[in-house]
């Protein structure tokens, strides 16, 4: 990477900045997640390499500015891991994952990082995907007791929000409708949390299922020499049911 960024290196690599590379780090991370979902070790290996490239790229840019290098980053995470695992590198004991969580939070607090934001909702990145961010905000609020007593309260809330959306559809502005839809999504994320389901992953899973089924509909239509645009909803529904039987 140092050579690529050198005056005799690559013009594209030389002009990159932390900001310009943000999109590539996201893209490579999502490609890695897809490879993990597919369960193919070779693909996971390849995509991990692509993610490593982005990390080295950022470290090289910082090194050129005299800020830090990749060794500094690795050294810091090694120090942090040792500090937050006294039950492994020290004398403490942890028998369960819950024990580890308590130790982790306590050790993290000892690191002395100060922040003006003392809210229970601090340190939830605003750039997280919306469903994942909603779930993390809910988790943090729940830890200090701001939570539903049980899942049926969330289900009641979902009904309430659905009624509000119905009213907004007939009586309110498009902005109000969007807000009511957002409230429904936020409540559904709460359901995911109560059911120990990661909302972001559940949504991705449904997207993958829909894509497989829709592509199968396209294939079935093609075998009939038909275009989807020329088929009736009833005909499309027949193909959809066939695709559902194939991809349950």
C-alpha atoms as a PDB file:
ATOM      1  CA  UNK A   1       0.000   0.000   0.000  1.00  0.00           C
ATOM      2  CA  UNK A   2       2.909   2.340   0.708  1.00  0.00           C
ATOM      3  CA  UNK A   3       4.166   1.721  -2.822  1.00  0.00           C
ATOM      4  CA  UNK A   4       0.722   2.227  -4.329  1.00  0.00           C
ATOM      5  CA  UNK A   5       0.472   5.572  -2.515  1.00  0.00           C
ATOM      6  CA  UNK A   6       3.999   6.660  -3.483  1.00  0.00           C
ATOM      7  CA  UNK A   7       4.710   9.267  -6.217  1.00  0.00           C
ATOM      8  CA  UNK A   8       5.623   6.418  -8.581  1.00  0.00           C
ATOM      9  CA  UNK A   9       2.577   4.412  -7.615  1.00  0.00           C
ATOM     10  CA  UNK A  10      -1.081   4.492  -8.628  1.00  0.00           C
ATOM     11  CA  UNK A  11      -2.792   7.858  -9.323  1.00  0.00           C
ATOM     12  CA  UNK A  12      -6.147   6.586  -8.028  1.00  0.00           C
ATOM     13  CA  UNK A  13      -4.697   5.219  -4.778  1.00  0.00           C
ATOM     14  CA  UNK A  14      -2.736   8.430  -4.197  1.00  0.00           C
ATOM     15  CA  UNK A  15      -5.810  10.651  -4.320  1.00  0.00           C
ATOM     16  CA  UNK A  16      -7.874   8.666  -1.812  1.00  0.00           C
ATOM     17  CA  UNK A  17      -8.704  10.017   1.650  1.00  0.00           C
ATOM     18  CA  UNK A  18     -10.396   8.622   4.748  1.00  0.00           C
ATOM     19  CA  UNK A  19     -13.598  10.240   3.544  1.00  0.00           C
ATOM     20  CA  UNK A  20     -13.445   8.968  -0.043  1.00  0.00           C
ATOM     21  CA  UNK A  21     -12.818   5.404   1.150  1.00  0.00           C
ATOM     22  CA  UNK A  22     -15.818   5.203   3.486  1.00  0.00           C
ATOM     23  CA  UNK A  23     -18.130   3.778   0.821  1.00  0.00           C
ATOM     24  CA  UNK A  24     -15.641   1.030  -0.065  1.00  0.00           C
ATOM     25  CA  UNK A  25     -15.257  -0.079   3.547  1.00  0.00           C
ATOM     26  CA  UNK A  26     -19.044  -0.411   3.778  1.00  0.00           C
ATOM     27  CA  UNK A  27     -19.300  -2.255   0.456  1.00  0.00           C
ATOM     28  CA  UNK A  28     -16.538  -4.711   1.336  1.00  0.00           C
ATOM     29  CA  UNK A  29     -18.043  -5.332   4.771  1.00  0.00           C
ATOM     30  CA  UNK A  30     -21.432  -6.128   3.270  1.00  0.00           C
ATOM     31  CA  UNK A  31     -19.814  -8.460   0.750  1.00  0.00           C
ATOM     32  CA  UNK A  32     -18.089 -10.248   3.630  1.00  0.00           C
ATOM     33  CA  UNK A  33     -21.417 -10.604   5.451  1.00  0.00           C
ATOM     34  CA  UNK A  34     -22.957 -12.072   2.302  1.00  0.00           C
ATOM     35  CA  UNK A  35     -20.117 -14.584   2.016  1.00  0.00           C
ATOM     36  CA  UNK A  36     -20.638 -15.570   5.662  1.00  0.00           C
ATOM     37  CA  UNK A  37     -24.368 -16.060   5.006  1.00  0.00           C
ATOM     38  CA  UNK A  38     -23.559 -18.302   2.049  1.00  0.00           C
ATOM     39  CA  UNK A  39     -21.179 -20.327   4.217  1.00  0.00           C
ATOM     40  CA  UNK A  40     -18.442 -20.656   1.587  1.00  0.00           C
ATOM     41  CA  UNK A  41     -14.986 -20.599   3.262  1.00  0.00           C
ATOM     42  CA  UNK A  42     -13.183 -19.594   0.072  1.00  0.00           C
ATOM     43  CA  UNK A  43     -15.468 -16.603  -0.437  1.00  0.00           C
ATOM     44  CA  UNK A  44     -15.130 -15.623   3.224  1.00  0.00           C
ATOM     45  CA  UNK A  45     -11.354 -15.754   2.873  1.00  0.00           C
ATOM     46  CA  UNK A  46     -11.435 -13.558  -0.240  1.00  0.00           C
ATOM     47  CA  UNK A  47     -13.800 -11.004   1.288  1.00  0.00           C
ATOM     48  CA  UNK A  48     -11.798 -10.837   4.525  1.00  0.00           C
ATOM     49  CA  UNK A  49      -8.798  -9.926   2.388  1.00  0.00           C
ATOM     50  CA  UNK A  50     -10.788  -7.107   0.808  1.00  0.00           C
ATOM     51  CA  UNK A  51     -11.753  -5.795   4.243  1.00  0.00           C
ATOM     52  CA  UNK A  52      -8.122  -6.020   5.400  1.00  0.00           C
ATOM     53  CA  UNK A  53      -7.149  -3.968   2.370  1.00  0.00           C
ATOM     54  CA  UNK A  54      -9.436  -1.147   3.458  1.00  0.00           C
ATOM     55  CA  UNK A  55      -8.011  -1.190   6.982  1.00  0.00           C
ATOM     56  CA  UNK A  56      -4.437  -1.070   5.695  1.00  0.00           C
ATOM     57  CA  UNK A  57      -5.431   1.720   3.298  1.00  0.00           C
ATOM     58  CA  UNK A  58      -6.729   3.905   6.134  1.00  0.00           C
ATOM     59  CA  UNK A  59      -3.693   3.140   8.297  1.00  0.00           C
ATOM     60  CA  UNK A  60      -1.333   4.080   5.461  1.00  0.00           C
ATOM     61  CA  UNK A  61      -3.070   7.420   4.953  1.00  0.00           C
ATOM     62  CA  UNK A  62      -2.739   8.149   8.676  1.00  0.00           C
ATOM     63  CA  UNK A  63       0.909   7.087   8.630  1.00  0.00           C
ATOM     64  CA  UNK A  64       1.673   9.541   5.831  1.00  0.00           C
ATOM     65  CA  UNK A  65       0.187  12.278   7.983  1.00  0.00           C
ATOM     66  CA  UNK A  66       2.355  11.300  10.955  1.00  0.00           C
ATOM     67  CA  UNK A  67      -0.691  10.313  13.013  1.00  0.00           C
ATOM     68  CA  UNK A  68      -0.355   6.542  13.483  1.00  0.00           C
ATOM     69  CA  UNK A  69       0.419   3.409  11.529  1.00  0.00           C
ATOM     70  CA  UNK A  70      -1.091  -0.068  11.288  1.00  0.00           C
ATOM     71  CA  UNK A  71       1.170  -1.303  14.085  1.00  0.00           C
ATOM     72  CA  UNK A  72      -0.233   1.345  16.404  1.00  0.00           C
ATOM     73  CA  UNK A  73      -3.791   0.241  15.651  1.00  0.00           C
ATOM     74  CA  UNK A  74      -2.997  -3.418  16.235  1.00  0.00           C
ATOM     75  CA  UNK A  75      -1.101  -2.586  19.400  1.00  0.00           C
ATOM     76  CA  UNK A  76      -4.048  -0.667  20.797  1.00  0.00           C
ATOM     77  CA  UNK A  77      -6.561  -3.440  20.148  1.00  0.00           C
ATOM     78  CA  UNK A  78      -4.228  -6.016  21.719  1.00  0.00           C
ATOM     79  CA  UNK A  79      -3.897  -3.809  24.812  1.00  0.00           C
ATOM     80  CA  UNK A  80      -7.665  -3.339  24.951  1.00  0.00           C
ATOM     81  CA  UNK A  81      -8.358  -7.072  24.633  1.00  0.00           C
ATOM     82  CA  UNK A  82      -5.970  -7.906  27.454  1.00  0.00           C
ATOM     83  CA  UNK A  83      -7.454  -5.213  29.689  1.00  0.00           C
ATOM     84  CA  UNK A  84     -11.050  -6.250  29.050  1.00  0.00           C
ATOM     85  CA  UNK A  85     -10.360  -9.957  29.592  1.00  0.00           C
ATOM     86  CA  UNK A  86      -8.909 -10.165  33.114  1.00  0.00           C
ATOM     87  CA  UNK A  87     -10.658 -13.536  33.385  1.00  0.00           C
ATOM     88  CA  UNK A  88      -8.293 -14.789  30.662  1.00  0.00           C
ATOM     89  CA  UNK A  89      -5.128 -12.724  31.136  1.00  0.00           C
ATOM     90  CA  UNK A  90      -5.536 -12.096  34.862  1.00  0.00           C
ATOM     91  CA  UNK A  91      -6.887 -13.682  38.026  1.00  0.00           C
ATOM     92  CA  UNK A  92     -10.614 -12.998  37.665  1.00  0.00           C
ATOM     93  CA  UNK A  93     -13.182 -15.704  37.009  1.00  0.00           C
ATOM     94  CA  UNK A  94     -16.035 -15.765  34.495  1.00  0.00           C
ATOM     95  CA  UNK A  95     -18.236 -18.817  34.110  1.00  0.00           C
ATOM     96  CA  UNK A  96     -20.904 -17.525  31.739  1.00  0.00           C
ATOM     97  CA  UNK A  97     -21.221 -15.033  28.866  1.00  0.00           C
ATOM     98  CA  UNK A  98     -23.230 -12.799  31.225  1.00  0.00           C
ATOM     99  CA  UNK A  99     -20.280 -12.757  33.645  1.00  0.00           C
ATOM    100  CA  UNK A 100     -18.055 -11.675  30.773  1.00  0.00           C
ATOM    101  CA  UNK A 101     -20.420  -8.834  29.825  1.00  0.00           C
ATOM    102  CA  UNK A 102     -20.301  -7.463  33.371  1.00  0.00           C
ATOM    103  CA  UNK A 103     -16.506  -7.626  33.430  1.00  0.00           C
ATOM    104  CA  UNK A 104     -16.229  -6.086  29.957  1.00  0.00           C
ATOM    105  CA  UNK A 105     -18.383  -3.086  30.898  1.00  0.00           C
ATOM    106  CA  UNK A 106     -16.544  -2.570  34.178  1.00  0.00           C
ATOM    107  CA  UNK A 107     -13.130  -2.745  32.541  1.00  0.00           C
ATOM    108  CA  UNK A 108     -14.274  -0.441  29.770  1.00  0.00           C
ATOM    109  CA  UNK A 109     -15.345   2.135  32.372  1.00  0.00           C
ATOM    110  CA  UNK A 110     -11.873   1.933  33.956  1.00  0.00           C
ATOM    111  CA  UNK A 111     -10.218   3.010  30.731  1.00  0.00           C
ATOM    112  CA  UNK A 112     -11.034   6.575  31.629  1.00  0.00           C
ATOM    113  CA  UNK A 113     -12.562   7.637  28.354  1.00  0.00           C
ATOM    114  CA  UNK A 114     -14.508  10.785  29.092  1.00  0.00           C
ATOM    115  CA  UNK A 115     -17.412  12.107  27.070  1.00  0.00           C
ATOM    116  CA  UNK A 116     -19.729  15.051  27.437  1.00  0.00           C
ATOM    117  CA  UNK A 117     -22.572  12.746  26.463  1.00  0.00           C
ATOM    118  CA  UNK A 118     -23.632  10.951  29.631  1.00  0.00           C
ATOM    119  CA  UNK A 119     -26.888   9.614  28.209  1.00  0.00           C
ATOM    120  CA  UNK A 120     -27.662   5.912  28.424  1.00  0.00           C
ATOM    121  CA  UNK A 121     -27.935   6.130  24.639  1.00  0.00           C
ATOM    122  CA  UNK A 122     -24.399   7.413  24.132  1.00  0.00           C
ATOM    123  CA  UNK A 123     -22.009   5.719  21.709  1.00  0.00           C
ATOM    124  CA  UNK A 124     -24.619   4.388  19.281  1.00  0.00           C
ATOM    125  CA  UNK A 125     -23.190   5.421  15.886  1.00  0.00           C
ATOM    126  CA  UNK A 126     -25.566   7.531  13.818  1.00  0.00           C
ATOM    127  CA  UNK A 127     -24.213   5.924  10.649  1.00  0.00           C
ATOM    128  CA  UNK A 128     -25.402   2.425  11.616  1.00  0.00           C
ATOM    129  CA  UNK A 129     -28.110   0.877   9.407  1.00  0.00           C
ATOM    130  CA  UNK A 130     -31.451   2.134  10.723  1.00  0.00           C
ATOM    131  CA  UNK A 131     -32.844  -1.191  11.940  1.00  0.00           C
ATOM    132  CA  UNK A 132     -29.624  -2.127  13.721  1.00  0.00           C
ATOM    133  CA  UNK A 133     -29.396   1.349  15.278  1.00  0.00           C
ATOM    134  CA  UNK A 134     -33.008   1.195  16.448  1.00  0.00           C
ATOM    135  CA  UNK A 135     -32.361  -2.154  18.108  1.00  0.00           C
ATOM    136  CA  UNK A 136     -29.215  -0.920  19.845  1.00  0.00           C
ATOM    137  CA  UNK A 137     -30.973   2.209  21.119  1.00  0.00           C
ATOM    138  CA  UNK A 138     -33.761   0.019  22.486  1.00  0.00           C
ATOM    139  CA  UNK A 139     -31.275  -2.319  24.158  1.00  0.00           C
ATOM    140  CA  UNK A 140     -29.502   0.554  25.891  1.00  0.00           C
ATOM    141  CA  UNK A 141     -32.772   2.109  27.043  1.00  0.00           C
ATOM    142  CA  UNK A 142     -33.907  -1.300  28.311  1.00  0.00           C
ATOM    143  CA  UNK A 143     -30.761  -1.703  30.428  1.00  0.00           C
ATOM    144  CA  UNK A 144     -31.787   1.265  32.581  1.00  0.00           C
ATOM    145  CA  UNK A 145     -35.359   0.025  32.963  1.00  0.00           C
ATOM    146  CA  UNK A 146     -37.025   1.986  30.159  1.00  0.00           C
ATOM    147  CA  UNK A 147     -38.727  -0.966  28.540  1.00  0.00           C
ATOM    148  CA  UNK A 148     -41.951  -2.867  28.053  1.00  0.00           C
ATOM    149  CA  UNK A 149     -42.790  -5.365  30.797  1.00  0.00           C
ATOM    150  CA  UNK A 150     -43.354  -8.051  28.178  1.00  0.00           C
ATOM    151  CA  UNK A 151     -43.784  -8.784  24.495  1.00  0.00           C
ATOM    152  CA  UNK A 152     -47.578  -8.455  24.553  1.00  0.00           C
ATOM    153  CA  UNK A 153     -47.221  -4.781  25.405  1.00  0.00           C
ATOM    154  CA  UNK A 154     -45.162  -4.393  22.231  1.00  0.00           C
ATOM    155  CA  UNK A 155     -47.822  -6.216  20.216  1.00  0.00           C
ATOM    156  CA  UNK A 156     -50.466  -3.841  21.599  1.00  0.00           C
ATOM    157  CA  UNK A 157     -48.236  -0.918  20.640  1.00  0.00           C
ATOM    158  CA  UNK A 158     -47.949  -2.297  17.105  1.00  0.00           C
ATOM    159  CA  UNK A 159     -51.740  -2.358  16.837  1.00  0.00           C
ATOM    160  CA  UNK A 160     -51.897   1.215  18.103  1.00  0.00           C
ATOM    161  CA  UNK A 161     -49.307   2.401  15.586  1.00  0.00           C
ATOM    162  CA  UNK A 162     -51.123   0.578  12.764  1.00  0.00           C
ATOM    163  CA  UNK A 163     -54.352   2.390  13.608  1.00  0.00           C
ATOM    164  CA  UNK A 164     -52.480   5.695  13.625  1.00  0.00           C
ATOM    165  CA  UNK A 165     -51.072   4.891  10.174  1.00  0.00           C
ATOM    166  CA  UNK A 166     -54.568   4.109   8.848  1.00  0.00           C
ATOM    167  CA  UNK A 167     -55.724   7.488  10.106  1.00  0.00           C
ATOM    168  CA  UNK A 168     -52.703   9.248   8.599  1.00  0.00           C
ATOM    169  CA  UNK A 169     -53.326   7.633   5.209  1.00  0.00           C
ATOM    170  CA  UNK A 170     -56.789   9.167   4.998  1.00  0.00           C
ATOM    171  CA  UNK A 171     -56.338  12.417   6.905  1.00  0.00           C
ATOM    172  CA  UNK A 172     -52.703  13.496   7.197  1.00  0.00           C
ATOM    173  CA  UNK A 173     -49.830  14.743   5.056  1.00  0.00           C
ATOM    174  CA  UNK A 174     -47.234  12.542   3.393  1.00  0.00           C
ATOM    175  CA  UNK A 175     -44.744  13.626   6.063  1.00  0.00           C
ATOM    176  CA  UNK A 176     -47.061  12.416   8.819  1.00  0.00           C
ATOM    177  CA  UNK A 177     -47.577   9.130   7.013  1.00  0.00           C
ATOM    178  CA  UNK A 178     -43.807   8.647   6.822  1.00  0.00           C
ATOM    179  CA  UNK A 179     -43.511   9.310  10.551  1.00  0.00           C
ATOM    180  CA  UNK A 180     -46.219   6.780  11.347  1.00  0.00           C
ATOM    181  CA  UNK A 181     -44.531   4.196   9.137  1.00  0.00           C
ATOM    182  CA  UNK A 182     -41.279   4.872  10.980  1.00  0.00           C
ATOM    183  CA  UNK A 183     -43.052   4.279  14.293  1.00  0.00           C
ATOM    184  CA  UNK A 184     -44.324   0.928  13.005  1.00  0.00           C
ATOM    185  CA  UNK A 185     -40.833  -0.112  11.926  1.00  0.00           C
ATOM    186  CA  UNK A 186     -39.416   0.945  15.298  1.00  0.00           C
ATOM    187  CA  UNK A 187     -42.051  -1.130  17.086  1.00  0.00           C
ATOM    188  CA  UNK A 188     -41.355  -4.153  14.887  1.00  0.00           C
ATOM    189  CA  UNK A 189     -37.677  -3.840  15.820  1.00  0.00           C
ATOM    190  CA  UNK A 190     -38.773  -3.970  19.457  1.00  0.00           C
ATOM    191  CA  UNK A 191     -40.568  -7.237  18.703  1.00  0.00           C
ATOM    192  CA  UNK A 192     -37.336  -8.575  17.220  1.00  0.00           C
ATOM    193  CA  UNK A 193     -35.477  -7.619  20.379  1.00  0.00           C
ATOM    194  CA  UNK A 194     -37.983  -9.382  22.633  1.00  0.00           C
ATOM    195  CA  UNK A 195     -37.748 -12.478  20.438  1.00  0.00           C
ATOM    196  CA  UNK A 196     -33.904 -12.342  20.428  1.00  0.00           C
ATOM    197  CA  UNK A 197     -33.887 -11.803  16.669  1.00  0.00           C
ATOM    198  CA  UNK A 198     -31.502  -9.343  15.047  1.00  0.00           C
ATOM    199  CA  UNK A 199     -33.783  -7.018  13.071  1.00  0.00           C
ATOM    200  CA  UNK A 200     -31.186  -6.192  10.430  1.00  0.00           C
ATOM    201  CA  UNK A 201     -30.442  -9.858   9.780  1.00  0.00           C
ATOM    202  CA  UNK A 202     -34.149 -10.733   9.705  1.00  0.00           C
ATOM    203  CA  UNK A 203     -34.723  -8.062   7.068  1.00  0.00           C
ATOM    204  CA  UNK A 204     -31.746  -9.289   5.036  1.00  0.00           C
ATOM    205  CA  UNK A 205     -33.080 -12.845   5.253  1.00  0.00           C
ATOM    206  CA  UNK A 206     -36.465 -11.766   3.940  1.00  0.00           C
ATOM    207  CA  UNK A 207     -34.789  -9.846   1.121  1.00  0.00           C
ATOM    208  CA  UNK A 208     -32.786 -12.915   0.124  1.00  0.00           C
ATOM    209  CA  UNK A 209     -35.918 -15.081   0.197  1.00  0.00           C
ATOM    210  CA  UNK A 210     -37.886 -12.608  -1.889  1.00  0.00           C
ATOM    211  CA  UNK A 211     -35.091 -12.324  -4.432  1.00  0.00           C
ATOM    212  CA  UNK A 212     -34.862 -16.107  -4.849  1.00  0.00           C
ATOM    213  CA  UNK A 213     -38.621 -16.439  -5.255  1.00  0.00           C
ATOM    214  CA  UNK A 214     -38.910 -13.534  -7.685  1.00  0.00           C
ATOM    215  CA  UNK A 215     -36.051 -14.807  -9.832  1.00  0.00           C
ATOM    216  CA  UNK A 216     -37.815 -18.175  -9.919  1.00  0.00           C
ATOM    217  CA  UNK A 217     -41.006 -16.438 -11.089  1.00  0.00           C
ATOM    218  CA  UNK A 218     -38.986 -14.824 -13.872  1.00  0.00           C
ATOM    219  CA  UNK A 219     -37.524 -18.216 -14.814  1.00  0.00           C
ATOM    220  CA  UNK A 220     -40.905 -19.914 -14.856  1.00  0.00           C
ATOM    221  CA  UNK A 221     -42.367 -17.166 -17.023  1.00  0.00           C
ATOM    222  CA  UNK A 222     -39.430 -17.441 -19.421  1.00  0.00           C
ATOM    223  CA  UNK A 223     -40.005 -21.188 -19.820  1.00  0.00           C
ATOM    224  CA  UNK A 224     -43.512 -20.280 -21.014  1.00  0.00           C
ATOM    225  CA  UNK A 225     -42.150 -17.686 -23.400  1.00  0.00           C
ATOM    226  CA  UNK A 226     -43.919 -14.963 -21.412  1.00  0.00           C
ATOM    227  CA  UNK A 227     -42.899 -11.595 -19.982  1.00  0.00           C
ATOM    228  CA  UNK A 228     -43.986 -10.640 -16.487  1.00  0.00           C
ATOM    229  CA  UNK A 229     -45.271  -7.309 -17.774  1.00  0.00           C
ATOM    230  CA  UNK A 230     -47.739  -9.135 -20.047  1.00  0.00           C
ATOM    231  CA  UNK A 231     -49.143 -11.458 -17.386  1.00  0.00           C
ATOM    232  CA  UNK A 232     -52.170 -10.860 -15.181  1.00  0.00           C
ATOM    233  CA  UNK A 233     -51.894 -10.681 -11.402  1.00  0.00           C
ATOM    234  CA  UNK A 234     -53.692 -14.023 -11.203  1.00  0.00           C
ATOM    235  CA  UNK A 235     -51.133 -15.648 -13.498  1.00  0.00           C
ATOM    236  CA  UNK A 236     -48.270 -14.089 -11.561  1.00  0.00           C
ATOM    237  CA  UNK A 237     -49.751 -15.362  -8.306  1.00  0.00           C
ATOM    238  CA  UNK A 238     -49.759 -18.913  -9.670  1.00  0.00           C
ATOM    239  CA  UNK A 239     -46.041 -18.635 -10.479  1.00  0.00           C
ATOM    240  CA  UNK A 240     -45.376 -17.054  -7.092  1.00  0.00           C
ATOM    241  CA  UNK A 241     -46.975 -19.995  -5.296  1.00  0.00           C
ATOM    242  CA  UNK A 242     -44.800 -22.369  -7.307  1.00  0.00           C
ATOM    243  CA  UNK A 243     -41.690 -20.424  -6.371  1.00  0.00           C
ATOM    244  CA  UNK A 244     -42.728 -20.421  -2.698  1.00  0.00           C
ATOM    245  CA  UNK A 245     -42.960 -24.215  -2.787  1.00  0.00           C
ATOM    246  CA  UNK A 246     -39.409 -24.335  -4.116  1.00  0.00           C
ATOM    247  CA  UNK A 247     -37.968 -21.721  -1.727  1.00  0.00           C
ATOM    248  CA  UNK A 248     -39.758 -22.070   1.602  1.00  0.00           C
END
